[in-house]
Structures are given as C-alpha cells and as structure tokens.
Amino acid sequence: DGDGKVTLPELVRHFDRAGFQPVQMTSAGLNQSFYNGPSEVLFKHLDVNQEGKLSKEGVRRAADLLLRKFDVDDDEVLRADELDPRLANNPFPGRIAPPLVSVPGPRAVDAFYLVRSAGADRQLGLVLLAYYDKNKDLRLSRAESGLDPEAFARLDANKDGLLDADELSRWHEQRGDVELIVRLGSKGRGQEALDLHEPGKPARLASAVSRSSEGGLRLTVGDAQVNLRPGADRVAPGRVGVSGQLYLQQFLQQFRAADTQNKGVVDLKMLAANPRLQFLRALFPLLDRNGDGKLTIAEVTAFANLIDGARDGTLSITAAAHGRALFQLLDVDRDGRLGLRELRSAWERLAPLDKNGDGFVTADEIPRQFEVTVGFGMPSAGPRFSGAVPRVVFNPEPVRARTRGPLWFRKMDRNADGDVSFREFLGTRDEFRAIDADGDGLISTEEAERYDATLRPPQGRRPPEGRRPR
C-alpha cells in the first residue's frame, strides 16, 4: 500500500505470487512414456526366448545374465544408466530413441491433473471430457463417466442425465475415494509414516491399499499401482542441508574472489569492481544482516541456513508417472538400483502379475507405475523451477549407507544394497556359510544380527578367538 512498511499479510501475498505456497504440489516427469529405456532393456534381456514374454526360468537367470553384461563398475548392482547409457548425463531424457517394447494403455502424461482451485476448475472439466467422452458430444453419460449413481447425481446439477464441462469442473469437490495420513518428523509409538485415515465408514478404495515392502503404501486400481511414500524430512537444527550447501558454495566462491587480501570482509566497492561478482552484489542487502555495509563469512553462512529454513517451511507433494516400468517394479527398496537380492527374487514379484495363469508375464501384464511423494522442502522439479525434463525416475535420492546391522556388516556392504555377498565378505567361505543361514548366497541384515548376537559374551566375557569374521 506504499506506506513504507511491510505487514505480515503483504509479505504472505508477495511469496504467494512468487509460487512459495505452504504446500507445493507438482506433477513431475509425466512424460514417462518416453522414459522407460532401462525397463525395456530389462524386458528384452529377461525374455531369453525372444517370445515377448517372461518365464520363471528366464527371469531366475537374471542376476547372472544382466550383471555379466551391464554391471560396468562391477559393484554387483545395476543402475538405470548402466542398462541404458543414453540416460547418462542427458539433460533431456525424454528425447531418447523410441521404446524397444510397445505396450498398450493410456499415455502416462494423462495420469495426473493438478487442481489449483478449491472451487470450480473449468480446465479440469475439459480434461475429463477429452479423456472420457467416447461419442464426442461434449457431454458424459453415466456409462461414459464410470461414476456410481450417487456420485453422478451430485455432479448432474441440471438433472439432464449428462455431465458437461461446467458440471465436471466440480468433480474434485466430492469426497476422496481414499484418504491418507502422512506423518513427517517424529512419530508416536507404533505409528507409521503413512496410514489410512478412516473417519466414520471406510473410503471406497480403502480395501485397495496395502503396505509396500519399502515402508510406504500401495494403491492398486485396475492395472495401475500408485506407490505412496514419505519424502525428505526436515534438516537437523544447526546443519546446512543440500539446498543451503549449494547456495553456500556459490556465495563463498564469489566472496573469496572479492576478498583478494584474505581479510575475511567484503564491501560493495570490492564487488562492484568485478563484473563476475554481481550475483553476490545483488544479494548484498539480504546477506548483510547487521546493516554495517560489510559482509563476513558468518553472515554468508547464516543466509545459507536461512534458505534451508525457508525450504523446510514448505511441504511438497510430487506425483510422477513411470509407465509400465519393470525397473521400478523390481526396485524393492526404491534406491534407483537393482541389487543381487532384487534380481534373484525378481520372479517372486512378477509371478502375481500372471493374470491368465499361463506361466508367463507379458509386457501388458506389467502394471503401470505411479509414485506420490510427500516431504519437506521445495519440489525438485516442476514448471516453476526447471525448464528441462526432470530426471525423477532414474535420479533418485543419493544412496545412503545403511544404518542397520553390526558395524562389520555395514563396512563390508560396500555397495550399500543391504546385503553382503561372498565377494564383499572378508572372512572365509566356512564363516560365510555359517552366517548365511538360508544358504541363498547373501548375508542379510537379519542374518548378520543373529550371528552377531551369538558372539556377545555373557557378563562381559570375551568371545573365543576366531569366531568373529576377519
């Protein structure tokens, strides 16, 4: 209002116009129909008889076949870019070659629509018409819509038995078919990060939700699986997070370039003398927190922490469509890699997809894969922040060292896949067999913990020599 003061409502409106709402919802990577190179390579090489379908025998040879051919860095895990080198360092992965396997079904780009208004959304009405209007009369009958009589009647405002774009623009105002609770940060005893929310009677699709092996929830509708998982948690107090680190490095680089005499202080005159330091100069009023006209390392670091605070003040909900993605289906722990256990147990995950019971899984029996992630922080992709096609599917969270299991187990697990193979094991073959209780050729976290428990001496006594793996 030009009164020389910024009120809290004015500040909120300013950031709202800039796209920094408390909840950020983005549809990331919805052009995944062009993005399934690794899945197509997997299917092609698991189809050992080249019949367009996967068999139990062929899939169970997957680990040996695929690792021998594609494990470039010889770490006993397969990354997506090892299967399809076209993904490596490609900022526009949507422009790679046509798919190797053609499967029917709706295009992945049609999977999600982001509603930006609590009221009527005419664009949503037009999208629904374009998708469901089979006879192209710009209205939907109940048969075309697939809605139950009660839901259809609520939308049919003029009671003519048809839904036009205006009536469909309020489709999202009805109660959701499934409602979920997402808990981020600390959780109470027995509470999961994701749970069903059931006020009164259960929602219509509540029975279609199951808990996935990676700790999230999975909604199965027709031939589609929607995987729901918690995303990034808040950055620990006093620690600069990923976003802050990027800004801090950029700030410090320009700060040191300006501080030619290593005095630890920079002023505007020093920045003005170098045209390459205008980024820091433009932010000088914000970085100079005490307003003394000088900039210190401490002020630069404090501003980087402030950016992380703003990042953690936002909740992001990101939806991604992966298409009929065999790679994602086999990636049990969602780390963007296929380890030995995931490859060896691939048929166990595929067998339930054999709908006709013929002992084979065809490409069109592989369910379409979708992912919804809820976490703290600004979305990593979206129309507001990036013009390039986001690498959502095959650029996952950085692989983190495992925190479960004895220390010797975690140190031997060099590829951080949650298992220790004999190649990683530093003991003898006999010791490996003693720990590998189920004899599957891998030491799991649970097997390592059970074995370690047998080595703990009662009442502080030392274990016999030679019992602990070297």
Protein backbone atom coordinates (compact mmCIF):
# COMPACT_ATOMS: atom_id res chain seq x y z
CA ASP A 1 0.00 0.00 0.00
CA GLY A 2 3.06 2.27 -0.23
CA ASP A 3 3.10 3.23 3.46
CA GLY A 4 6.79 2.35 3.87
CA LYS A 5 6.03 -0.73 5.99
CA VAL A 6 5.62 -4.41 5.11
CA THR A 7 2.90 -6.14 7.08
CA LEU A 8 2.65 -9.90 7.50
CA PRO A 9 -0.34 -10.19 5.08
CA GLU A 10 1.63 -8.20 2.47
CA LEU A 11 4.63 -10.49 2.91
CA VAL A 12 2.43 -13.59 2.57
CA ARG A 13 0.83 -12.24 -0.62
CA HIS A 14 4.28 -11.44 -2.06
CA PHE A 15 5.54 -15.00 -1.58
CA ASP A 16 2.24 -16.49 -2.72
CA ARG A 17 2.53 -14.63 -6.05
CA ALA A 18 6.12 -15.92 -6.37
CA GLY A 19 4.92 -19.51 -6.04
CA PHE A 20 6.06 -20.18 -2.45
CA GLN A 21 2.83 -21.53 -1.01
CA PRO A 22 2.96 -23.57 2.22
CA VAL A 23 2.08 -26.68 0.21
CA GLN A 24 3.72 -27.17 -3.19
CA MET A 25 2.06 -29.71 -5.49
CA THR A 26 3.82 -30.69 -8.69
CA SER A 27 3.38 -33.29 -11.38
CA ALA A 28 6.95 -34.28 -12.17
CA GLY A 29 8.13 -36.34 -15.07
CA LEU A 30 4.73 -37.13 -16.56
CA ASN A 31 6.24 -37.73 -19.98
CA GLN A 32 7.49 -41.08 -18.77
CA SER A 33 6.07 -42.88 -21.81
CA PHE A 34 9.37 -41.86 -23.50
CA TYR A 35 11.45 -42.60 -20.43
CA ASN A 36 11.40 -46.37 -19.95
CA GLY A 37 14.68 -47.31 -21.61
CA PRO A 38 16.05 -49.31 -18.62
CA SER A 39 12.75 -51.19 -18.23
CA GLU A 40 12.72 -52.01 -21.93
CA VAL A 41 16.31 -53.28 -21.81
CA LEU A 42 15.43 -55.40 -18.76
CA PHE A 43 12.41 -56.93 -20.51
CA LYS A 44 14.37 -57.65 -23.68
CA HIS A 45 17.19 -59.50 -21.89
CA LEU A 46 14.94 -61.36 -19.44
CA ASP A 47 12.91 -62.61 -22.40
CA VAL A 48 15.55 -65.25 -23.12
CA ASN A 49 13.49 -66.96 -25.84
CA GLN A 50 12.59 -63.65 -27.53
CA GLU A 51 8.87 -64.51 -27.41
CA GLY A 52 7.63 -61.21 -25.99
CA LYS A 53 7.01 -62.71 -22.54
CA LEU A 54 8.92 -63.54 -19.37
CA SER A 55 9.20 -67.05 -17.94
CA LYS A 56 10.19 -68.27 -14.49
CA GLU A 57 13.34 -69.94 -15.82
CA GLY A 58 14.47 -66.92 -17.81
CA VAL A 59 13.90 -64.42 -15.01
CA ARG A 60 15.71 -66.58 -12.46
CA ARG A 61 18.83 -66.37 -14.61
CA ALA A 62 18.54 -62.56 -14.45
CA ALA A 63 21.31 -61.87 -11.96
CA ASP A 64 23.99 -63.73 -13.89
CA LEU A 65 22.85 -62.60 -17.33
CA LEU A 66 22.39 -58.93 -16.53
CA LEU A 67 25.33 -58.37 -14.21
CA ARG A 68 27.74 -60.03 -16.61
CA LYS A 69 26.56 -57.82 -19.47
CA PHE A 70 25.67 -54.47 -17.85
CA ASP A 71 27.44 -54.06 -14.47
CA VAL A 72 30.00 -51.58 -15.80
CA ASP A 73 31.58 -50.66 -12.45
CA ASP A 74 31.48 -54.28 -11.18
CA ASP A 75 29.75 -53.42 -7.88
CA GLU A 76 27.05 -56.16 -8.10
CA VAL A 77 24.22 -53.66 -8.55
CA LEU A 78 22.61 -52.37 -11.74
CA ARG A 79 21.93 -48.67 -12.18
CA ALA A 80 19.46 -47.42 -14.76
CA ASP A 81 22.19 -45.69 -16.77
CA GLU A 82 24.17 -48.95 -16.92
CA LEU A 83 21.18 -50.61 -18.56
CA ASP A 84 20.57 -47.65 -20.86
CA PRO A 85 23.68 -45.46 -21.35
CA ARG A 86 21.54 -42.91 -23.19
CA LEU A 87 20.41 -41.67 -19.76
CA ALA A 88 23.90 -40.81 -18.57
CA ASN A 89 24.45 -37.04 -18.48
CA ASN A 90 21.39 -36.48 -20.67
CA PRO A 91 19.54 -33.31 -19.55
CA PHE A 92 16.65 -34.11 -21.91
CA PRO A 93 15.95 -37.83 -21.36
CA GLY A 94 12.51 -37.51 -22.97
CA ARG A 95 14.23 -37.14 -26.36
CA ILE A 96 15.94 -40.52 -26.50
CA ALA A 97 15.22 -43.23 -29.07
CA PRO A 98 11.80 -44.94 -29.42
CA PRO A 99 10.93 -47.76 -26.97
CA LEU A 100 12.10 -51.30 -27.57
CA VAL A 101 8.83 -52.78 -26.26
CA SER A 102 5.47 -51.34 -27.26
CA VAL A 103 2.69 -51.82 -24.72
CA PRO A 104 -0.93 -50.65 -24.85
CA GLY A 105 -2.62 -48.36 -22.35
CA PRO A 106 -3.28 -44.67 -21.64
CA ARG A 107 -0.36 -42.32 -22.10
CA ALA A 108 1.41 -41.60 -18.82
CA VAL A 109 1.06 -37.87 -19.41
CA ASP A 110 -2.69 -38.23 -18.82
CA ALA A 111 -2.24 -39.77 -15.38
CA PHE A 112 -2.40 -36.71 -13.11
CA TYR A 113 -4.07 -33.33 -13.17
CA LEU A 114 -3.12 -30.68 -10.64
CA VAL A 115 -6.19 -28.84 -9.34
CA ARG A 116 -5.20 -25.29 -8.43
CA SER A 117 -8.53 -24.05 -7.10
CA ALA A 118 -10.75 -25.16 -4.23
CA GLY A 119 -13.79 -24.16 -6.32
CA ALA A 120 -14.78 -24.96 -9.88
CA ASP A 121 -11.93 -25.67 -12.30
CA ARG A 122 -13.20 -25.50 -15.88
CA GLN A 123 -9.90 -26.75 -17.27
CA LEU A 124 -10.39 -29.95 -15.25
CA GLY A 125 -13.85 -30.34 -16.81
CA LEU A 126 -12.36 -30.07 -20.30
CA VAL A 127 -9.62 -32.58 -19.46
CA LEU A 128 -12.18 -35.11 -18.21
CA LEU A 129 -14.30 -34.61 -21.31
CA ALA A 130 -11.32 -35.10 -23.60
CA TYR A 131 -10.46 -38.37 -21.91
CA TYR A 132 -13.88 -39.97 -21.30
CA ASP A 133 -16.19 -38.52 -23.97
CA LYS A 134 -16.30 -41.51 -26.34
CA ASN A 135 -19.02 -40.19 -28.69
CA LYS A 136 -17.52 -36.67 -28.79
CA ASP A 137 -20.80 -34.87 -27.95
CA LEU A 138 -19.03 -32.75 -25.27
CA ARG A 139 -21.07 -34.39 -22.51
CA LEU A 140 -20.67 -37.54 -20.45
CA SER A 141 -23.33 -40.14 -19.83
CA ARG A 142 -23.09 -42.17 -16.64
CA ALA A 143 -21.79 -45.13 -18.65
CA GLU A 144 -19.02 -42.99 -20.15
CA SER A 145 -18.06 -41.50 -16.78
CA GLY A 146 -17.91 -44.79 -14.87
CA LEU A 147 -19.27 -42.99 -11.78
CA ASP A 148 -21.70 -44.67 -9.40
CA PRO A 149 -25.31 -43.32 -9.45
CA GLU A 150 -24.90 -41.27 -6.26
CA ALA A 151 -21.70 -39.51 -7.38
CA PHE A 152 -23.14 -38.88 -10.85
CA ALA A 153 -26.33 -37.36 -9.39
CA ARG A 154 -24.31 -34.97 -7.20
CA LEU A 155 -22.48 -33.61 -10.25
CA ASP A 156 -25.53 -33.51 -12.56
CA ALA A 157 -26.72 -30.06 -11.47
CA ASN A 158 -29.46 -29.65 -14.13
CA LYS A 159 -30.56 -33.30 -13.80
CA ASP A 160 -30.49 -33.94 -17.56
CA GLY A 161 -28.61 -37.23 -17.18
CA LEU A 162 -25.45 -35.82 -18.76
CA LEU A 163 -22.38 -34.02 -17.43
CA ASP A 164 -20.98 -31.03 -19.34
CA ALA A 165 -17.65 -29.27 -18.77
CA ASP A 166 -19.10 -26.89 -16.17
CA GLU A 167 -20.57 -29.74 -14.13
CA LEU A 168 -17.38 -31.78 -14.40
CA SER A 169 -15.36 -28.76 -13.23
CA ARG A 170 -16.58 -29.58 -9.70
CA TRP A 171 -15.66 -33.27 -9.82
CA HIS A 172 -12.82 -32.79 -7.34
CA GLU A 173 -15.14 -31.35 -4.67
CA GLN A 174 -16.58 -34.76 -3.81
CA ARG A 175 -15.10 -36.84 -1.01
CA GLY A 176 -11.90 -38.65 -1.97
CA ASP A 177 -12.02 -42.35 -2.73
CA VAL A 178 -9.21 -42.92 -0.25
CA GLU A 179 -7.79 -40.66 2.47
CA LEU A 180 -4.34 -41.00 3.99
CA ILE A 181 -2.35 -39.66 6.92
CA VAL A 182 1.29 -38.73 6.26
CA ARG A 183 3.46 -38.26 9.34
CA LEU A 184 6.74 -36.41 8.83
CA GLY A 185 9.30 -35.91 11.56
CA SER A 186 8.81 -37.57 14.94
CA LYS A 187 6.17 -40.28 15.27
CA GLY A 188 4.47 -41.83 18.29
CA ARG A 189 4.86 -45.42 19.41
CA GLY A 190 3.52 -47.79 16.78
CA GLN A 191 2.81 -45.01 14.28
CA GLU A 192 3.80 -45.44 10.65
CA ALA A 193 4.86 -42.62 8.33
CA LEU A 194 1.86 -43.45 6.12
CA ASP A 195 -1.52 -44.72 7.29
CA LEU A 196 -5.11 -44.97 6.11
CA HIS A 197 -7.46 -42.34 7.52
CA GLU A 198 -10.91 -43.72 8.18
CA PRO A 199 -13.33 -41.20 9.70
CA GLY A 200 -16.67 -42.97 10.03
CA LYS A 201 -17.06 -45.58 7.32
CA PRO A 202 -14.04 -46.63 5.22
CA ALA A 203 -13.45 -44.84 1.93
CA ARG A 204 -14.43 -46.63 -1.29
CA LEU A 205 -10.88 -47.59 -2.26
CA ALA A 206 -9.56 -48.25 1.26
CA SER A 207 -9.51 -52.01 0.61
CA ALA A 208 -7.27 -51.43 -2.44
CA VAL A 209 -4.47 -50.01 -0.25
CA SER A 210 -1.73 -52.29 1.05
CA ARG A 211 1.55 -51.69 2.81
CA SER A 212 4.53 -51.98 0.49
CA SER A 213 7.78 -53.71 1.35
CA GLU A 214 9.70 -50.40 1.41
CA GLY A 215 7.51 -48.96 4.17
CA GLY A 216 5.10 -46.92 2.08
CA LEU A 217 1.58 -47.65 0.88
CA ARG A 218 0.45 -49.00 -2.48
CA LEU A 219 -2.93 -48.29 -4.07
CA THR A 220 -3.84 -50.85 -6.75
CA VAL A 221 -6.54 -49.81 -9.21
CA GLY A 222 -7.02 -51.93 -12.30
CA ASP A 223 -3.64 -52.37 -13.99
CA ALA A 224 -2.11 -49.42 -12.14
CA GLN A 225 -0.08 -49.29 -8.93
CA VAL A 226 0.21 -45.96 -7.14
CA ASN A 227 3.11 -46.07 -4.69
CA LEU A 228 2.89 -43.53 -1.88
CA ARG A 229 5.94 -42.79 0.23
CA PRO A 230 7.29 -40.16 2.62
CA GLY A 231 9.97 -37.91 1.17
CA ALA A 232 12.65 -35.76 2.72
CA ASP A 233 12.47 -34.95 6.43
CA ARG A 234 13.45 -31.62 7.94
CA VAL A 235 17.11 -30.68 8.03
CA ALA A 236 18.51 -31.17 11.53
CA PRO A 237 18.88 -27.90 13.50
CA GLY A 238 22.29 -26.30 13.08
CA ARG A 239 23.13 -28.26 9.94
CA VAL A 240 23.12 -26.83 6.43
CA GLY A 241 21.09 -29.03 4.10
CA VAL A 242 21.51 -29.76 0.40
CA SER A 243 19.84 -26.55 -0.80
CA GLY A 244 21.80 -24.44 1.67
CA GLN A 245 25.06 -26.15 0.74
CA LEU A 246 24.59 -25.24 -2.93
CA TYR A 247 23.96 -21.60 -2.10
CA LEU A 248 26.77 -21.53 0.46
CA GLN A 249 29.31 -22.86 -2.05
CA GLN A 250 28.25 -20.28 -4.62
CA PHE A 251 28.36 -17.45 -2.07
CA LEU A 252 31.75 -18.48 -0.71
CA GLN A 253 33.24 -18.81 -4.19
CA GLN A 254 32.29 -15.22 -5.04
CA PHE A 255 33.21 -14.00 -1.54
CA ARG A 256 36.75 -15.36 -1.85
CA ALA A 257 37.10 -13.96 -5.36
CA ALA A 258 36.27 -10.49 -3.99
CA ASP A 259 38.36 -10.85 -0.81
CA THR A 260 41.68 -10.73 -2.65
CA GLN A 261 43.61 -9.74 0.54
CA ASN A 262 42.11 -12.54 2.66
CA LYS A 263 40.77 -10.16 5.32
CA GLY A 264 37.51 -12.04 5.73
CA VAL A 265 35.48 -8.91 4.94
CA VAL A 266 33.89 -7.77 1.66
CA ASP A 267 32.11 -4.49 0.89
CA LEU A 268 30.08 -3.25 -2.07
CA LYS A 269 33.04 -1.41 -3.65
CA MET A 270 35.01 -4.64 -3.87
CA LEU A 271 32.07 -6.38 -5.55
CA ALA A 272 31.42 -3.53 -7.99
CA ALA A 273 34.99 -3.76 -9.28
CA ASN A 274 34.44 -7.27 -10.64
CA PRO A 275 31.57 -7.82 -13.12
CA ARG A 276 31.65 -11.56 -12.37
CA LEU A 277 30.51 -11.00 -8.79
CA GLN A 278 27.16 -9.37 -9.50
CA PHE A 279 25.23 -12.34 -8.08
CA LEU A 280 26.68 -11.63 -4.63
CA ARG A 281 26.30 -7.88 -5.13
CA ALA A 282 22.57 -8.22 -5.90
CA LEU A 283 22.02 -10.16 -2.67
CA PHE A 284 24.26 -7.91 -0.56
CA PRO A 285 21.38 -6.17 1.30
CA LEU A 286 19.98 -9.54 2.35
CA LEU A 287 23.35 -11.05 3.28
CA ASP A 288 24.45 -8.01 5.32
CA ARG A 289 22.29 -8.92 8.29
CA ASN A 290 23.62 -6.23 10.66
CA GLY A 291 23.49 -3.49 8.02
CA ASP A 292 27.05 -2.27 8.55
CA GLY A 293 27.90 -2.23 4.84
CA LYS A 294 30.31 -5.14 5.20
CA LEU A 295 29.94 -8.84 4.56
CA THR A 296 31.55 -11.64 6.59
CA ILE A 297 31.76 -15.42 6.23
CA ALA A 298 29.47 -15.77 9.25
CA GLU A 299 26.77 -13.68 7.54
CA VAL A 300 27.05 -15.69 4.33
CA THR A 301 26.67 -18.95 6.27
CA ALA A 302 23.73 -17.56 8.24
CA PHE A 303 21.93 -16.69 5.00
CA ALA A 304 22.50 -20.22 3.65
CA ASN A 305 20.92 -21.57 6.84
CA LEU A 306 18.01 -19.15 6.35
CA ILE A 307 17.41 -20.57 2.87
CA ASP A 308 17.26 -24.06 4.36
CA GLY A 309 14.78 -22.79 6.92
CA ALA A 310 12.55 -21.46 4.15
CA ARG A 311 12.91 -24.74 2.28
CA ASP A 312 11.84 -26.70 5.35
CA GLY A 313 8.88 -24.38 5.81
CA THR A 314 7.31 -25.83 2.67
CA LEU A 315 5.58 -29.16 2.24
CA SER A 316 5.92 -30.70 -1.21
CA ILE A 317 3.67 -33.30 -2.82
CA THR A 318 5.09 -34.66 -6.07
CA ALA A 319 3.31 -37.07 -8.41
CA ALA A 320 5.24 -38.96 -11.07
CA ALA A 321 4.17 -41.44 -13.73
CA HIS A 322 6.67 -44.11 -14.78
CA GLY A 323 4.60 -46.10 -17.29
CA ARG A 324 4.80 -49.90 -17.37
CA ALA A 325 8.14 -49.75 -15.61
CA LEU A 326 9.70 -53.13 -14.95
CA PHE A 327 12.73 -51.44 -13.39
CA GLN A 328 10.64 -49.70 -10.70
CA LEU A 329 8.65 -52.87 -10.07
CA LEU A 330 11.81 -54.83 -9.21
CA ASP A 331 13.45 -51.97 -7.26
CA VAL A 332 12.09 -53.04 -3.87
CA ASP A 333 13.94 -50.50 -1.70
CA ARG A 334 13.38 -47.65 -4.20
CA ASP A 335 17.05 -46.65 -4.28
CA GLY A 336 17.16 -46.48 -8.08
CA ARG A 337 19.34 -49.61 -8.36
CA LEU A 338 18.80 -53.36 -8.68
CA GLY A 339 20.87 -55.38 -6.23
CA LEU A 340 21.59 -59.11 -6.22
CA ARG A 341 18.66 -59.95 -3.96
CA GLU A 342 16.25 -57.88 -6.06
CA LEU A 343 17.45 -59.59 -9.25
CA ARG A 344 17.36 -63.09 -7.77
CA SER A 345 13.86 -62.61 -6.34
CA ALA A 346 12.50 -60.92 -9.46
CA TRP A 347 10.15 -63.78 -10.37
CA GLU A 348 8.54 -63.68 -6.91
CA ARG A 349 7.47 -60.11 -7.67
CA LEU A 350 6.42 -60.92 -11.22
CA ALA A 351 4.51 -64.18 -10.64
CA PRO A 352 1.38 -62.49 -9.18
CA LEU A 353 1.08 -60.49 -12.44
CA ASP A 354 0.41 -63.66 -14.46
CA LYS A 355 -3.33 -62.97 -14.70
CA ASN A 356 -4.19 -65.76 -17.15
CA GLY A 357 -2.12 -68.37 -15.31
CA ASP A 358 -0.12 -69.47 -18.35
CA GLY A 359 3.21 -69.26 -16.52
CA PHE A 360 4.36 -66.19 -18.43
CA VAL A 361 4.25 -62.43 -17.87
CA THR A 362 3.74 -60.30 -20.97
CA ALA A 363 4.56 -56.61 -21.30
CA ASP A 364 0.91 -55.55 -20.99
CA GLU A 365 0.54 -57.56 -17.74
CA ILE A 366 3.16 -55.35 -16.08
CA PRO A 367 1.18 -52.71 -14.13
CA ARG A 368 1.60 -49.04 -14.81
CA GLN A 369 3.71 -47.48 -12.06
CA PHE A 370 2.93 -44.15 -10.41
CA GLU A 371 4.55 -42.51 -7.41
CA VAL A 372 3.33 -39.85 -4.98
CA THR A 373 5.93 -38.49 -2.56
CA VAL A 374 5.21 -36.17 0.37
CA GLY A 375 8.04 -34.46 2.22
CA PHE A 376 9.52 -31.23 3.50
CA GLY A 377 11.29 -28.86 1.14
CA MET A 378 10.74 -27.28 -2.22
CA PRO A 379 9.92 -29.69 -5.06
CA SER A 380 12.98 -30.72 -7.04
CA ALA A 381 11.21 -30.21 -10.34
CA GLY A 382 8.20 -28.55 -11.87
CA PRO A 383 7.23 -25.76 -14.23
CA ARG A 384 8.13 -23.06 -11.71
CA PHE A 385 11.67 -24.17 -11.14
CA SER A 386 13.01 -26.01 -14.19
CA GLY A 387 12.60 -25.86 -17.92
CA ALA A 388 14.28 -29.22 -18.52
CA VAL A 389 12.58 -32.57 -18.30
CA PRO A 390 13.05 -33.64 -14.64
CA ARG A 391 15.00 -36.84 -14.00
CA VAL A 392 12.55 -38.18 -11.47
CA VAL A 393 12.65 -41.88 -12.20
CA PHE A 394 16.33 -42.56 -12.60
CA ASN A 395 17.83 -39.81 -10.50
CA PRO A 396 16.60 -40.89 -7.06
CA GLU A 397 17.75 -39.91 -3.59
CA PRO A 398 21.53 -40.34 -3.18
CA VAL A 399 22.37 -43.86 -1.99
CA ARG A 400 22.85 -43.67 1.76
CA ALA A 401 24.93 -46.01 3.88
CA ARG A 402 22.77 -48.49 5.77
CA THR A 403 22.28 -47.84 9.46
CA ARG A 404 21.07 -51.33 10.46
CA GLY A 405 23.26 -54.31 11.20
CA PRO A 406 26.56 -54.83 13.05
CA LEU A 407 29.42 -52.50 12.23
CA TRP A 408 31.40 -55.24 10.44
CA PHE A 409 28.36 -55.95 8.25
CA ARG A 410 27.86 -52.31 7.30
CA LYS A 411 31.53 -51.88 6.44
CA MET A 412 31.57 -54.99 4.27
CA ASP A 413 28.40 -53.90 2.44
CA ARG A 414 30.44 -51.72 0.09
CA ASN A 415 27.68 -51.20 -2.49
CA ALA A 416 25.12 -50.30 0.23
CA ASP A 417 22.47 -52.67 -1.10
CA GLY A 418 21.61 -54.09 2.35
CA ASP A 419 23.30 -57.48 1.74
CA VAL A 420 26.84 -58.82 1.89
CA SER A 421 27.82 -61.13 -0.96
CA PHE A 422 30.78 -63.50 -0.76
CA ARG A 423 32.78 -61.08 -2.92
CA GLU A 424 32.27 -58.38 -0.27
CA PHE A 425 32.83 -60.72 2.68
CA LEU A 426 36.28 -60.52 4.29
CA GLY A 427 36.15 -63.86 6.08
CA THR A 428 36.47 -67.44 4.92
CA ARG A 429 33.98 -69.48 2.89
CA ASP A 430 33.12 -71.53 6.00
CA GLU A 431 32.43 -68.37 8.01
CA PHE A 432 30.22 -67.03 5.22
CA ARG A 433 28.19 -70.26 5.15
CA ALA A 434 27.80 -70.17 8.92
CA ILE A 435 26.28 -66.68 8.77
CA ASP A 436 24.23 -67.23 5.58
CA ALA A 437 21.59 -69.28 7.39
CA ASP A 438 19.21 -69.70 4.44
CA GLY A 439 22.02 -70.55 2.02
CA ASP A 440 20.93 -68.05 -0.65
CA GLY A 441 24.46 -66.73 -1.20
CA LEU A 442 23.77 -63.41 0.53
CA ILE A 443 24.11 -62.34 4.15
CA SER A 444 21.09 -60.24 5.05
CA THR A 445 20.90 -57.69 7.86
CA GLU A 446 18.83 -60.09 9.95
CA GLU A 447 21.31 -62.96 9.45
CA ALA A 448 24.20 -60.70 10.42
CA GLU A 449 22.38 -59.54 13.57
CA ARG A 450 21.52 -63.12 14.61
CA TYR A 451 25.11 -64.26 14.07
CA ASP A 452 26.50 -61.25 15.91
CA ALA A 453 24.24 -62.00 18.88
CA THR A 454 25.86 -65.43 19.25
CA LEU A 455 29.25 -63.74 19.62
CA ARG A 456 28.26 -61.49 22.50
CA PRO A 457 29.84 -62.94 25.63
CA PRO A 458 27.62 -63.13 28.75
CA GLN A 459 28.50 -60.82 31.60
CA GLY A 460 31.39 -59.15 29.78
CA ARG A 461 33.33 -62.35 28.92
CA ARG A 462 35.37 -62.21 25.71
CA PRO A 463 34.28 -64.39 22.74
CA PRO A 464 36.56 -67.26 21.68
CA GLU A 465 39.30 -66.32 19.26
CA GLY A 466 38.47 -66.80 15.59
CA ARG A 467 34.70 -66.57 15.96
CA ARG A 468 34.34 -63.04 14.61
CA PRO A 469 34.70 -62.54 10.80
CA ARG A 470 38.11 -61.20 9.85
